[in-house]
Every structure is written in structure tokens, then in C-alpha cells.
């Protein structure tokens, strides 16, 4: 998925599934860094969040939780896990 722009900022979207063993760790990290999130239910529960690509939070996210999360793809059906 292409990142979107908010003014001069380039924002990238990611999601984490509730069945992921790192789900709670990711949510705690998001809360600590004051990153807004969107919870999606029913079906497969997942949480979407956005991070400014030039921010220190993006660097920390890439180092700590990137392998636990997926980039949001507009063609992906997140309720079923299919395209």
C-alpha cells in the first residue's frame, strides 16, 4: 500500500492481529508513544495504526515491532484474512 500524505508528513499504516503473541506488547508500545489506533471487530480482530515515516517513533517501531505487524493493503480483507 502506498503511504498517504498529511500536509508535508508521509504517513504509513500498519496493523496487528489480536491472535499475534506480540499483540499486547504492540498495543502497549502504541499507548506509550501516544499513537492513535483503530480497533476492528468482529471476525478476526485487528488493530490499525498510522505512523509518520520521518518520526523517531517510526525508527523505533521498525526496530522493535515491524516483524509483528503488517503494512495495511487496501486490497486486503482484514476480516477474513483474504484478498
N, C-alpha and C. Protein backbone atom coordinates (compact mmCIF):
# COMPACT_ATOMS: atom_id res chain seq x y z
N UNK A 1 0.82 -1.18 0.00
CA UNK A 1 0.00 0.00 0.00
C UNK A 1 0.87 1.24 0.00
N UNK A 2 0.43 2.21 -0.72
CA UNK A 2 1.12 3.48 -0.77
C UNK A 2 0.86 4.26 0.52
N UNK A 3 1.87 4.88 1.06
CA UNK A 3 1.64 5.74 2.22
C UNK A 3 0.82 6.95 1.77
N UNK A 4 0.17 7.62 2.69
CA UNK A 4 -0.56 8.82 2.32
C UNK A 4 0.11 10.02 2.96
N UNK A 5 -0.24 11.19 2.46
CA UNK A 5 0.36 12.43 2.95
C UNK A 5 -0.63 13.19 3.81
N UNK A 6 -0.11 13.76 4.87
CA UNK A 6 -0.88 14.64 5.74
C UNK A 6 -0.06 15.91 5.84
N UNK A 7 -0.38 16.89 4.98
CA UNK A 7 0.46 18.07 4.86
C UNK A 7 1.78 17.64 4.24
N UNK A 8 2.88 17.93 4.92
CA UNK A 8 4.20 17.52 4.43
C UNK A 8 4.61 16.16 4.96
N UNK A 9 3.84 15.60 5.89
CA UNK A 9 4.18 14.32 6.50
C UNK A 9 3.75 13.16 5.61
N UNK A 10 4.56 12.12 5.58
CA UNK A 10 4.20 10.88 4.91
C UNK A 10 3.82 9.89 6.00
N UNK A 11 2.58 9.43 5.96
CA UNK A 11 2.04 8.57 7.00
C UNK A 11 1.93 7.14 6.46
N UNK A 12 2.42 6.18 7.21
CA UNK A 12 2.32 4.77 6.83
C UNK A 12 1.38 4.07 7.80
N UNK A 13 0.56 3.17 7.24
CA UNK A 13 -0.42 2.44 8.04
C UNK A 13 0.03 1.00 8.25
N UNK A 14 -0.19 0.51 9.45
CA UNK A 14 0.14 -0.86 9.82
C UNK A 14 -1.02 -1.45 10.59
N UNK A 15 -1.01 -2.77 10.75
CA UNK A 15 -2.00 -3.41 11.62
C UNK A 15 -1.34 -4.57 12.35
N UNK A 16 -1.97 -4.94 13.45
CA UNK A 16 -1.54 -6.10 14.23
C UNK A 16 -2.80 -6.89 14.57
N UNK A 17 -2.73 -8.20 14.41
CA UNK A 17 -3.87 -9.08 14.70
C UNK A 17 -3.88 -9.48 16.17
N UNK A 18 -5.08 -9.62 16.73
CA UNK A 18 -5.20 -9.95 18.14
C UNK A 18 -4.66 -11.34 18.48
N UNK A 19 -4.62 -12.24 17.50
CA UNK A 19 -4.09 -13.59 17.77
C UNK A 19 -2.55 -13.63 17.76
N UNK A 20 -1.92 -12.51 17.40
CA UNK A 20 -0.46 -12.43 17.38
C UNK A 20 0.04 -12.43 18.83
N UNK A 21 1.02 -13.28 19.16
CA UNK A 21 1.54 -13.31 20.53
C UNK A 21 2.09 -11.96 21.01
N UNK A 22 2.46 -11.08 20.10
CA UNK A 22 3.01 -9.77 20.47
C UNK A 22 1.96 -8.67 20.50
N UNK A 23 0.69 -9.02 20.32
CA UNK A 23 -0.40 -8.04 20.23
C UNK A 23 -0.39 -7.07 21.41
N UNK A 24 -0.36 -7.58 22.61
CA UNK A 24 -0.40 -6.71 23.80
C UNK A 24 0.84 -5.83 23.87
N UNK A 25 2.00 -6.38 23.55
CA UNK A 25 3.23 -5.58 23.56
C UNK A 25 3.14 -4.42 22.57
N UNK A 26 2.60 -4.70 21.38
CA UNK A 26 2.46 -3.65 20.37
C UNK A 26 1.49 -2.57 20.86
N UNK A 27 0.34 -2.99 21.42
CA UNK A 27 -0.62 -2.01 21.93
C UNK A 27 -0.04 -1.17 23.05
N UNK A 28 0.73 -1.78 23.93
CA UNK A 28 1.38 -1.02 25.00
C UNK A 28 2.37 -0.01 24.42
N UNK A 29 3.13 -0.43 23.41
CA UNK A 29 4.08 0.48 22.77
C UNK A 29 3.35 1.65 22.12
N UNK A 30 2.24 1.36 21.44
CA UNK A 30 1.45 2.43 20.81
C UNK A 30 0.94 3.41 21.86
N UNK A 31 0.44 2.90 22.99
CA UNK A 31 -0.07 3.76 24.06
C UNK A 31 1.06 4.61 24.64
N UNK A 32 2.19 4.00 24.91
CA UNK A 32 3.33 4.74 25.48
C UNK A 32 3.80 5.86 24.56
N UNK A 33 3.67 5.64 23.24
CA UNK A 33 4.12 6.62 22.27
C UNK A 33 3.00 7.52 21.76
N UNK A 34 1.83 7.41 22.41
CA UNK A 34 0.67 8.25 22.09
C UNK A 34 0.28 8.18 20.62
N UNK A 35 0.33 6.97 20.07
CA UNK A 35 -0.07 6.74 18.68
C UNK A 35 -1.51 6.24 18.68
N UNK A 36 -2.36 6.94 17.94
CA UNK A 36 -3.78 6.58 17.88
C UNK A 36 -3.93 5.26 17.15
N UNK A 37 -4.93 4.51 17.58
CA UNK A 37 -5.20 3.23 16.94
C UNK A 37 -6.68 3.06 16.70
N UNK A 38 -7.00 2.14 15.81
CA UNK A 38 -8.37 1.83 15.43
C UNK A 38 -8.57 0.34 15.61
N UNK A 39 -9.44 -0.06 16.51
CA UNK A 39 -9.72 -1.49 16.70
C UNK A 39 -10.81 -1.93 15.73
N UNK A 40 -10.63 -3.10 15.11
CA UNK A 40 -11.59 -3.63 14.14
C UNK A 40 -12.08 -5.00 14.58
N UNK A 41 -13.40 -5.15 14.67
CA UNK A 41 -14.04 -6.41 15.00
C UNK A 41 -15.38 -6.43 14.29
N UNK A 42 -16.12 -7.45 14.13
CA UNK A 42 -15.91 -8.84 14.57
C UNK A 42 -15.06 -9.60 13.57
N UNK A 43 -15.13 -10.90 13.66
CA UNK A 43 -14.28 -11.73 12.81
C UNK A 43 -12.90 -11.79 13.40
N UNK A 44 -11.92 -11.73 12.55
CA UNK A 44 -10.53 -11.71 13.03
C UNK A 44 -10.27 -10.30 13.55
N UNK A 45 -10.01 -10.18 14.82
CA UNK A 45 -9.79 -8.86 15.42
C UNK A 45 -8.40 -8.35 15.07
N UNK A 46 -8.34 -7.12 14.65
CA UNK A 46 -7.06 -6.49 14.32
C UNK A 46 -7.13 -5.03 14.67
N UNK A 47 -5.99 -4.42 14.82
CA UNK A 47 -5.90 -3.01 15.19
C UNK A 47 -5.01 -2.31 14.17
N UNK A 48 -5.54 -1.20 13.63
CA UNK A 48 -4.78 -0.42 12.65
C UNK A 48 -4.24 0.83 13.32
N UNK A 49 -3.06 1.27 12.87
CA UNK A 49 -2.46 2.49 13.39
C UNK A 49 -1.59 3.11 12.32
N UNK A 50 -1.32 4.39 12.45
CA UNK A 50 -0.54 5.14 11.47
C UNK A 50 0.65 5.79 12.15
N UNK A 51 1.77 5.81 11.44
CA UNK A 51 2.99 6.42 11.98
C UNK A 51 3.63 7.30 10.90
N UNK A 52 4.05 8.49 11.30
CA UNK A 52 4.77 9.40 10.41
C UNK A 52 6.10 8.73 10.03
N UNK A 53 6.34 8.61 8.73
CA UNK A 53 7.53 7.87 8.28
C UNK A 53 8.85 8.54 8.66
N UNK A 54 8.84 9.84 8.96
CA UNK A 54 10.07 10.55 9.32
C UNK A 54 10.25 10.73 10.82
N UNK A 55 9.37 10.12 11.59
CA UNK A 55 9.40 10.34 13.04
C UNK A 55 10.34 9.38 13.77
N UNK A 56 10.77 9.75 14.96
CA UNK A 56 11.57 8.84 15.78
C UNK A 56 10.76 7.58 16.14
N UNK A 57 9.42 7.74 16.23
CA UNK A 57 8.57 6.58 16.54
C UNK A 57 8.64 5.54 15.43
N UNK A 58 8.73 6.00 14.17
CA UNK A 58 8.83 5.04 13.06
C UNK A 58 10.14 4.26 13.17
N UNK A 59 11.22 4.93 13.49
CA UNK A 59 12.50 4.24 13.64
C UNK A 59 12.42 3.20 14.75
N UNK A 60 11.86 3.57 15.88
CA UNK A 60 11.74 2.64 16.99
C UNK A 60 10.79 1.49 16.64
N UNK A 61 9.69 1.80 15.98
CA UNK A 61 8.75 0.77 15.56
C UNK A 61 9.43 -0.24 14.64
N UNK A 62 10.17 0.27 13.67
CA UNK A 62 10.86 -0.63 12.71
C UNK A 62 11.86 -1.53 13.43
N UNK A 63 12.49 -1.02 14.47
CA UNK A 63 13.47 -1.81 15.21
C UNK A 63 12.84 -2.80 16.18
N UNK A 64 11.66 -2.51 16.68
CA UNK A 64 11.10 -3.34 17.74
C UNK A 64 9.89 -4.18 17.34
N UNK A 65 8.98 -3.64 16.52
CA UNK A 65 7.72 -4.35 16.28
C UNK A 65 7.37 -4.58 14.81
N UNK A 66 8.20 -4.16 13.88
CA UNK A 66 7.83 -4.28 12.47
C UNK A 66 7.56 -5.73 12.07
N UNK A 67 8.31 -6.68 12.59
CA UNK A 67 8.11 -8.08 12.21
C UNK A 67 6.80 -8.65 12.75
N UNK A 68 6.21 -7.96 13.74
CA UNK A 68 4.96 -8.42 14.35
C UNK A 68 3.73 -7.82 13.69
N UNK A 69 3.91 -6.86 12.82
CA UNK A 69 2.79 -6.12 12.23
C UNK A 69 2.86 -6.18 10.70
N UNK A 70 1.73 -5.91 10.07
CA UNK A 70 1.67 -5.90 8.61
C UNK A 70 1.36 -4.50 8.13
N UNK A 71 1.92 -4.17 6.96
CA UNK A 71 1.54 -2.91 6.33
C UNK A 71 0.11 -3.07 5.83
N UNK A 72 -0.70 -2.04 5.96
CA UNK A 72 -2.10 -2.11 5.53
C UNK A 72 -2.14 -2.03 4.01
N UNK A 73 -2.88 -2.96 3.43
CA UNK A 73 -3.05 -3.06 1.98
C UNK A 73 -4.54 -2.84 1.70
N UNK A 74 -4.86 -1.85 0.88
CA UNK A 74 -6.26 -1.52 0.59
C UNK A 74 -7.02 -2.70 -0.03
N UNK A 75 -6.31 -3.62 -0.68
CA UNK A 75 -6.96 -4.77 -1.33
C UNK A 75 -7.17 -5.93 -0.38
N UNK A 76 -6.63 -5.87 0.82
CA UNK A 76 -6.72 -6.96 1.78
C UNK A 76 -8.04 -6.90 2.54
N UNK A 77 -8.69 -8.05 2.72
CA UNK A 77 -9.89 -8.15 3.54
C UNK A 77 -9.43 -8.59 4.92
N UNK A 78 -9.37 -7.67 5.86
CA UNK A 78 -8.82 -7.96 7.17
C UNK A 78 -9.78 -8.73 8.06
N UNK A 79 -11.04 -8.83 7.68
CA UNK A 79 -11.97 -9.62 8.48
C UNK A 79 -11.83 -11.10 8.19
N UNK A 80 -11.42 -11.44 6.97
CA UNK A 80 -11.27 -12.86 6.61
C UNK A 80 -9.82 -13.26 6.43
N UNK A 81 -8.94 -12.27 6.28
CA UNK A 81 -7.53 -12.55 6.05
C UNK A 81 -7.24 -12.82 4.58
N UNK A 82 -8.21 -12.63 3.68
CA UNK A 82 -8.02 -12.89 2.24
C UNK A 82 -8.01 -11.62 1.43
N UNK A 83 -7.69 -11.79 0.15
CA UNK A 83 -7.70 -10.64 -0.78
C UNK A 83 -8.91 -10.72 -1.68
